[in-house]
């Protein structure tokens, strides 16, 4: 239970700020009078309600369920082969990510051009031969 409460304290502000930002984006669609806002009004209400419900669930129900059902592993528990294999895979994936990130940080000039290169590559691949 203390870990769940600490987790909620850490992410609470972020969840609330993202929720308010999303509502601020979709709220203008509720008050418009042109054809587009009339068409998107129900979608906006549905999306805003879903965002609010998601925020309430992530700040209340999820931590409560985690506190109730997740248990801390005992120190003397035997780790299965499956868990060891997943841990090796996770460490390998993290190592690959770290090497790629280090390369990108050393080659900043190339990385600056990456969006433009990817855009041209996308058009080249999508154009008919």
N, C-alpha and C. Protein backbone atom coordinates (compact mmCIF):
# COMPACT_ATOMS: atom_id res chain seq x y z
N UNK A 1 0.81 -1.20 0.00
CA UNK A 1 0.00 0.00 0.00
C UNK A 1 0.85 1.27 0.00
N UNK A 2 1.93 1.35 0.79
CA UNK A 2 2.75 2.56 0.73
C UNK A 2 3.36 2.80 -0.65
N UNK A 3 3.74 1.72 -1.35
CA UNK A 3 4.31 1.90 -2.69
C UNK A 3 3.26 2.43 -3.66
N UNK A 4 2.03 1.98 -3.54
CA UNK A 4 0.96 2.49 -4.41
C UNK A 4 0.70 3.96 -4.15
N UNK A 5 0.66 4.35 -2.89
CA UNK A 5 0.44 5.76 -2.57
C UNK A 5 1.59 6.63 -3.06
N UNK A 6 2.80 6.14 -2.93
CA UNK A 6 3.95 6.89 -3.42
C UNK A 6 3.90 7.03 -4.95
N UNK A 7 3.51 5.97 -5.63
CA UNK A 7 3.38 6.02 -7.08
C UNK A 7 2.34 7.02 -7.53
N UNK A 8 1.21 7.07 -6.83
CA UNK A 8 0.17 8.04 -7.17
C UNK A 8 0.68 9.46 -6.93
N UNK A 9 1.43 9.66 -5.85
CA UNK A 9 1.98 10.99 -5.60
C UNK A 9 2.95 11.41 -6.70
N UNK A 10 3.70 10.46 -7.23
CA UNK A 10 4.68 10.78 -8.27
C UNK A 10 4.03 11.12 -9.60
N UNK A 11 2.98 10.40 -9.96
CA UNK A 11 2.38 10.61 -11.28
C UNK A 11 1.12 11.45 -11.25
N UNK A 12 0.62 11.78 -10.07
CA UNK A 12 -0.66 12.48 -9.96
C UNK A 12 -0.70 13.79 -10.72
N UNK A 13 0.31 14.63 -10.53
CA UNK A 13 0.33 15.93 -11.21
C UNK A 13 0.36 15.75 -12.72
N UNK A 14 1.14 14.80 -13.19
CA UNK A 14 1.24 14.57 -14.64
C UNK A 14 -0.09 14.13 -15.22
N UNK A 15 -0.75 13.20 -14.54
CA UNK A 15 -2.05 12.71 -15.02
C UNK A 15 -3.07 13.84 -15.06
N UNK A 16 -3.11 14.63 -14.01
CA UNK A 16 -4.07 15.73 -13.96
C UNK A 16 -3.76 16.76 -15.04
N UNK A 17 -2.50 17.10 -15.23
CA UNK A 17 -2.16 18.12 -16.24
C UNK A 17 -2.45 17.63 -17.66
N UNK A 18 -2.15 16.38 -17.94
CA UNK A 18 -2.47 15.85 -19.28
C UNK A 18 -3.97 15.80 -19.49
N UNK A 19 -4.71 15.41 -18.45
CA UNK A 19 -6.17 15.36 -18.56
C UNK A 19 -6.74 16.75 -18.85
N UNK A 20 -6.28 17.74 -18.10
CA UNK A 20 -6.76 19.10 -18.33
C UNK A 20 -6.38 19.62 -19.72
N UNK A 21 -5.19 19.26 -20.18
CA UNK A 21 -4.76 19.68 -21.52
C UNK A 21 -5.65 19.07 -22.60
N UNK A 22 -5.96 17.80 -22.46
CA UNK A 22 -6.81 17.15 -23.46
C UNK A 22 -8.22 17.72 -23.43
N UNK A 23 -8.74 17.99 -22.25
CA UNK A 23 -10.07 18.59 -22.17
C UNK A 23 -10.05 19.99 -22.78
N UNK A 24 -8.98 20.73 -22.54
CA UNK A 24 -8.88 22.07 -23.13
C UNK A 24 -8.83 22.02 -24.66
N UNK A 25 -8.30 20.94 -25.20
CA UNK A 25 -8.25 20.81 -26.66
C UNK A 25 -9.63 20.50 -27.23
N UNK A 26 -10.39 19.63 -26.54
CA UNK A 26 -11.68 19.21 -27.09
C UNK A 26 -12.85 20.07 -26.64
N UNK A 27 -12.69 20.89 -25.62
CA UNK A 27 -13.79 21.71 -25.13
C UNK A 27 -14.29 22.73 -26.16
N UNK A 28 -13.44 23.38 -26.94
CA UNK A 28 -13.97 24.34 -27.93
C UNK A 28 -14.94 23.72 -28.93
N UNK A 29 -14.84 22.43 -29.17
CA UNK A 29 -15.77 21.79 -30.09
C UNK A 29 -17.19 21.74 -29.52
N UNK A 30 -17.31 21.87 -28.21
CA UNK A 30 -18.64 21.85 -27.60
C UNK A 30 -19.40 23.15 -27.81
N UNK A 31 -18.67 24.25 -27.97
CA UNK A 31 -19.31 25.55 -28.00
C UNK A 31 -19.39 26.18 -29.38
N UNK A 32 -18.92 25.49 -30.40
CA UNK A 32 -18.96 26.06 -31.74
C UNK A 32 -20.33 25.93 -32.37
N UNK A 33 -20.60 26.76 -33.38
CA UNK A 33 -21.89 26.74 -34.07
C UNK A 33 -21.79 26.41 -35.54
N UNK A 34 -20.59 26.18 -36.06
CA UNK A 34 -20.51 25.87 -37.49
C UNK A 34 -20.73 24.37 -37.71
N UNK A 35 -20.71 23.96 -38.96
CA UNK A 35 -21.05 22.59 -39.32
C UNK A 35 -20.04 21.58 -38.76
N UNK A 36 -18.76 21.91 -38.81
CA UNK A 36 -17.72 20.98 -38.33
C UNK A 36 -17.88 20.71 -36.84
N UNK A 37 -18.09 21.76 -36.06
CA UNK A 37 -18.21 21.55 -34.60
C UNK A 37 -19.49 20.80 -34.26
N UNK A 38 -20.53 21.01 -35.04
CA UNK A 38 -21.76 20.25 -34.80
C UNK A 38 -21.56 18.76 -35.10
N UNK A 39 -20.76 18.48 -36.13
CA UNK A 39 -20.50 17.08 -36.47
C UNK A 39 -19.60 16.40 -35.43
N UNK A 40 -18.68 17.16 -34.88
CA UNK A 40 -17.70 16.57 -33.96
C UNK A 40 -18.09 16.72 -32.48
N UNK A 41 -19.24 17.29 -32.18
CA UNK A 41 -19.64 17.53 -30.79
C UNK A 41 -19.74 16.23 -29.99
N UNK A 42 -20.41 15.22 -30.51
CA UNK A 42 -20.57 13.96 -29.78
C UNK A 42 -19.23 13.26 -29.59
N UNK A 43 -18.41 13.32 -30.62
CA UNK A 43 -17.08 12.74 -30.51
C UNK A 43 -16.28 13.44 -29.42
N UNK A 44 -16.39 14.76 -29.36
CA UNK A 44 -15.66 15.54 -28.37
C UNK A 44 -16.14 15.22 -26.96
N UNK A 45 -17.43 15.13 -26.77
CA UNK A 45 -17.98 14.79 -25.45
C UNK A 45 -17.54 13.39 -25.04
N UNK A 46 -17.61 12.46 -25.95
CA UNK A 46 -17.20 11.09 -25.65
C UNK A 46 -15.73 11.02 -25.29
N UNK A 47 -14.91 11.70 -26.05
CA UNK A 47 -13.47 11.68 -25.79
C UNK A 47 -13.13 12.36 -24.48
N UNK A 48 -13.74 13.49 -24.20
CA UNK A 48 -13.49 14.19 -22.94
C UNK A 48 -13.93 13.35 -21.75
N UNK A 49 -15.08 12.71 -21.86
CA UNK A 49 -15.55 11.84 -20.77
C UNK A 49 -14.61 10.66 -20.58
N UNK A 50 -14.14 10.07 -21.67
CA UNK A 50 -13.22 8.95 -21.56
C UNK A 50 -11.91 9.36 -20.92
N UNK A 51 -11.43 10.56 -21.23
CA UNK A 51 -10.19 11.06 -20.63
C UNK A 51 -10.37 11.27 -19.13
N UNK A 52 -11.50 11.86 -18.73
CA UNK A 52 -11.76 12.09 -17.31
C UNK A 52 -11.89 10.77 -16.56
N UNK A 53 -12.63 9.83 -17.12
CA UNK A 53 -12.78 8.52 -16.48
C UNK A 53 -11.44 7.82 -16.38
N UNK A 54 -10.63 7.90 -17.42
CA UNK A 54 -9.31 7.29 -17.39
C UNK A 54 -8.44 7.90 -16.30
N UNK A 55 -8.51 9.21 -16.14
CA UNK A 55 -7.72 9.87 -15.09
C UNK A 55 -8.17 9.43 -13.71
N UNK A 56 -9.48 9.35 -13.50
CA UNK A 56 -9.99 8.92 -12.20
C UNK A 56 -9.57 7.49 -11.90
N UNK A 57 -9.68 6.63 -12.91
CA UNK A 57 -9.28 5.24 -12.71
C UNK A 57 -7.79 5.12 -12.43
N UNK A 58 -6.98 5.87 -13.17
CA UNK A 58 -5.53 5.76 -12.97
C UNK A 58 -5.07 6.34 -11.65
N UNK A 59 -5.85 7.24 -11.06
CA UNK A 59 -5.47 7.82 -9.77
C UNK A 59 -6.12 7.12 -8.58
N UNK A 60 -7.14 6.30 -8.81
CA UNK A 60 -7.83 5.66 -7.69
C UNK A 60 -7.82 4.14 -7.79
N UNK A 61 -8.47 3.60 -8.80
CA UNK A 61 -8.68 2.16 -8.88
C UNK A 61 -7.40 1.38 -9.14
N UNK A 62 -6.59 1.84 -10.09
CA UNK A 62 -5.37 1.12 -10.43
C UNK A 62 -4.41 1.01 -9.25
N UNK A 63 -4.11 2.09 -8.52
CA UNK A 63 -3.23 1.93 -7.36
C UNK A 63 -3.83 1.02 -6.27
N UNK A 64 -5.15 1.10 -6.10
CA UNK A 64 -5.79 0.25 -5.10
C UNK A 64 -5.67 -1.22 -5.48
N UNK A 65 -5.88 -1.53 -6.75
CA UNK A 65 -5.75 -2.92 -7.20
C UNK A 65 -4.31 -3.40 -7.12
N UNK A 66 -3.37 -2.52 -7.44
CA UNK A 66 -1.96 -2.89 -7.32
C UNK A 66 -1.58 -3.17 -5.87
N UNK A 67 -2.07 -2.33 -4.97
CA UNK A 67 -1.77 -2.54 -3.56
C UNK A 67 -2.38 -3.84 -3.06
N UNK A 68 -3.52 -4.20 -3.62
CA UNK A 68 -4.21 -5.41 -3.17
C UNK A 68 -3.61 -6.68 -3.76
N UNK A 69 -3.29 -6.68 -5.04
CA UNK A 69 -2.94 -7.93 -5.71
C UNK A 69 -1.46 -8.13 -6.01
N UNK A 70 -0.68 -7.07 -6.15
CA UNK A 70 0.74 -7.25 -6.45
C UNK A 70 1.50 -7.50 -5.15
N UNK A 71 2.32 -8.51 -5.18
CA UNK A 71 3.09 -8.86 -3.99
C UNK A 71 4.57 -8.73 -4.29
N UNK A 72 5.32 -8.37 -3.26
CA UNK A 72 6.77 -8.26 -3.38
C UNK A 72 7.37 -9.66 -3.38
N UNK A 73 8.33 -9.90 -4.28
CA UNK A 73 8.97 -11.21 -4.35
C UNK A 73 9.81 -11.48 -3.11
N UNK A 74 9.76 -12.71 -2.65
CA UNK A 74 10.62 -13.10 -1.54
C UNK A 74 12.05 -13.25 -2.05
N UNK A 75 13.01 -13.02 -1.18
CA UNK A 75 14.42 -13.07 -1.58
C UNK A 75 14.86 -14.49 -1.91
N UNK A 76 14.27 -15.49 -1.29
CA UNK A 76 14.70 -16.87 -1.50
C UNK A 76 13.89 -17.58 -2.58
N UNK A 77 13.06 -16.85 -3.32
CA UNK A 77 12.26 -17.47 -4.38
C UNK A 77 13.15 -17.89 -5.54
N UNK A 78 12.90 -19.09 -6.06
CA UNK A 78 13.68 -19.58 -7.20
C UNK A 78 13.14 -18.97 -8.49
N UNK A 79 14.06 -18.42 -9.28
CA UNK A 79 13.69 -17.78 -10.55
C UNK A 79 13.61 -18.85 -11.63
N UNK A 80 12.52 -18.81 -12.42
CA UNK A 80 12.33 -19.82 -13.45
C UNK A 80 13.21 -19.53 -14.67
N UNK A 81 13.34 -20.55 -15.52
CA UNK A 81 14.12 -20.38 -16.76
C UNK A 81 13.48 -19.32 -17.65
N UNK A 82 12.16 -19.30 -17.68
CA UNK A 82 11.44 -18.32 -18.48
C UNK A 82 11.76 -16.90 -18.02
N UNK A 83 11.78 -16.67 -16.72
CA UNK A 83 12.11 -15.34 -16.20
C UNK A 83 13.55 -14.96 -16.50
N UNK A 84 14.46 -15.93 -16.39
CA UNK A 84 15.86 -15.65 -16.72
C UNK A 84 16.02 -15.30 -18.19
N UNK A 85 15.30 -16.02 -19.07
CA UNK A 85 15.37 -15.74 -20.50
C UNK A 85 14.81 -14.35 -20.81
N UNK A 86 13.70 -14.00 -20.19
CA UNK A 86 13.14 -12.67 -20.40
C UNK A 86 14.06 -11.58 -19.86
N UNK A 87 14.71 -11.85 -18.74
CA UNK A 87 15.64 -10.86 -18.18
C UNK A 87 16.84 -10.67 -19.11
N UNK A 88 17.37 -11.76 -19.69
CA UNK A 88 18.47 -11.65 -20.65
C UNK A 88 18.03 -10.85 -21.88
N UNK A 89 16.83 -11.16 -22.37
CA UNK A 89 16.30 -10.43 -23.53
C UNK A 89 16.17 -8.95 -23.21
N UNK A 90 15.65 -8.63 -22.04
CA UNK A 90 15.47 -7.25 -21.63
C UNK A 90 16.81 -6.53 -21.51
N UNK A 91 17.81 -7.18 -20.93
CA UNK A 91 19.13 -6.57 -20.82
C UNK A 91 19.75 -6.36 -22.20
N UNK A 92 19.58 -7.32 -23.11
CA UNK A 92 20.10 -7.18 -24.47
C UNK A 92 19.42 -6.03 -25.21
N UNK A 93 18.11 -5.93 -25.07
CA UNK A 93 17.37 -4.84 -25.70
C UNK A 93 17.81 -3.49 -25.14
N UNK A 94 18.01 -3.42 -23.83
CA UNK A 94 18.47 -2.18 -23.22
C UNK A 94 19.87 -1.82 -23.70
N UNK A 95 20.74 -2.82 -23.82
CA UNK A 95 22.09 -2.57 -24.34
C UNK A 95 22.07 -2.05 -25.77
N UNK A 96 21.21 -2.63 -26.60
CA UNK A 96 21.07 -2.18 -27.98
C UNK A 96 20.57 -0.74 -28.03
N UNK A 97 19.59 -0.43 -27.20
CA UNK A 97 19.07 0.93 -27.14
C UNK A 97 20.15 1.91 -26.69
N UNK A 98 20.91 1.54 -25.67
CA UNK A 98 21.98 2.43 -25.19
C UNK A 98 23.04 2.68 -26.25
N UNK A 99 23.42 1.62 -26.99
CA UNK A 99 24.41 1.80 -28.05
C UNK A 99 23.87 2.70 -29.16
N UNK A 100 22.59 2.51 -29.54
CA UNK A 100 21.98 3.36 -30.58
C UNK A 100 21.88 4.80 -30.11
N UNK A 101 21.52 4.99 -28.86
CA UNK A 101 21.41 6.34 -28.33
C UNK A 101 22.78 7.02 -28.25
N UNK A 102 23.79 6.29 -27.82
CA UNK A 102 25.15 6.84 -27.78
C UNK A 102 25.63 7.21 -29.18
N UNK A 103 25.35 6.36 -30.17
CA UNK A 103 25.73 6.66 -31.55
C UNK A 103 25.03 7.93 -32.02
N UNK A 104 23.72 8.04 -31.72
CA UNK A 104 22.96 9.21 -32.15
C UNK A 104 23.49 10.48 -31.49
N UNK A 105 23.90 10.38 -30.25
CA UNK A 105 24.43 11.57 -29.57
C UNK A 105 25.80 11.96 -30.11
N UNK A 106 26.59 10.99 -30.58
CA UNK A 106 27.90 11.30 -31.16
C UNK A 106 27.77 11.84 -32.58
N UNK A 107 26.69 11.51 -33.28
CA UNK A 107 26.49 11.93 -34.67
C UNK A 107 25.28 12.86 -34.77
N UNK A 108 25.34 13.96 -34.10
CA UNK A 108 24.20 14.88 -34.04
C UNK A 108 23.89 15.51 -35.40
N UNK A 109 24.91 15.75 -36.20
CA UNK A 109 24.65 16.36 -37.51
C UNK A 109 23.83 15.43 -38.38
N UNK A 110 24.15 14.16 -38.35
CA UNK A 110 23.36 13.19 -39.13
C UNK A 110 21.94 13.13 -38.59
N UNK A 111 21.80 13.15 -37.28
CA UNK A 111 20.49 13.04 -36.66
C UNK A 111 19.62 14.27 -36.94
N UNK A 112 20.24 15.43 -37.15
CA UNK A 112 19.48 16.62 -37.49
C UNK A 112 18.78 16.46 -38.84
N UNK A 113 19.42 15.75 -39.73
CA UNK A 113 18.86 15.54 -41.07
C UNK A 113 17.92 14.35 -41.15
N UNK A 114 17.81 13.60 -40.08
CA UNK A 114 17.01 12.37 -40.10
C UNK A 114 15.55 12.58 -40.52
N UNK A 115 14.83 13.58 -40.00
CA UNK A 115 13.43 13.73 -40.45
C UNK A 115 13.31 13.97 -41.95
N UNK A 116 14.19 14.78 -42.50
CA UNK A 116 14.14 15.04 -43.93
C UNK A 116 14.51 13.79 -44.74
N UNK A 117 15.52 13.07 -44.29
CA UNK A 117 15.90 11.82 -44.95
C UNK A 117 14.76 10.83 -44.93
N UNK A 118 14.10 10.71 -43.78
CA UNK A 118 12.97 9.78 -43.67
C UNK A 118 11.80 10.20 -44.55
N UNK A 119 11.57 11.50 -44.66
CA UNK A 119 10.50 11.99 -45.53
C UNK A 119 10.78 11.64 -46.99
N UNK A 120 12.00 11.90 -47.45
CA UNK A 120 12.35 11.53 -48.82
C UNK A 120 12.30 10.03 -49.04
N UNK A 121 12.75 9.27 -48.06
CA UNK A 121 12.70 7.80 -48.18
C UNK A 121 11.25 7.31 -48.26
N UNK A 122 10.38 7.94 -47.50
CA UNK A 122 8.96 7.56 -47.54
C UNK A 122 8.37 7.82 -48.90
N UNK A 123 8.65 9.00 -49.47
CA UNK A 123 8.13 9.30 -50.82
C UNK A 123 8.77 8.38 -51.86
N UNK A 124 10.04 8.07 -51.70
CA UNK A 124 10.70 7.18 -52.66
C UNK A 124 10.11 5.78 -52.60
N UNK A 125 9.82 5.30 -51.41
CA UNK A 125 9.24 3.97 -51.29
C UNK A 125 7.79 3.92 -51.72
N UNK A 126 7.06 5.03 -51.53
CA UNK A 126 5.64 5.05 -51.85
C UNK A 126 5.37 5.34 -53.33
N UNK A 127 6.33 5.94 -54.02
CA UNK A 127 6.09 6.28 -55.43
C UNK A 127 6.11 5.02 -56.27
N UNK A 128 5.24 4.99 -57.26
CA UNK A 128 5.20 3.81 -58.13
C UNK A 128 6.47 3.70 -58.98
N UNK A 129 6.88 2.50 -59.22
CA UNK A 129 8.11 2.25 -59.97
C UNK A 129 7.93 2.48 -61.45
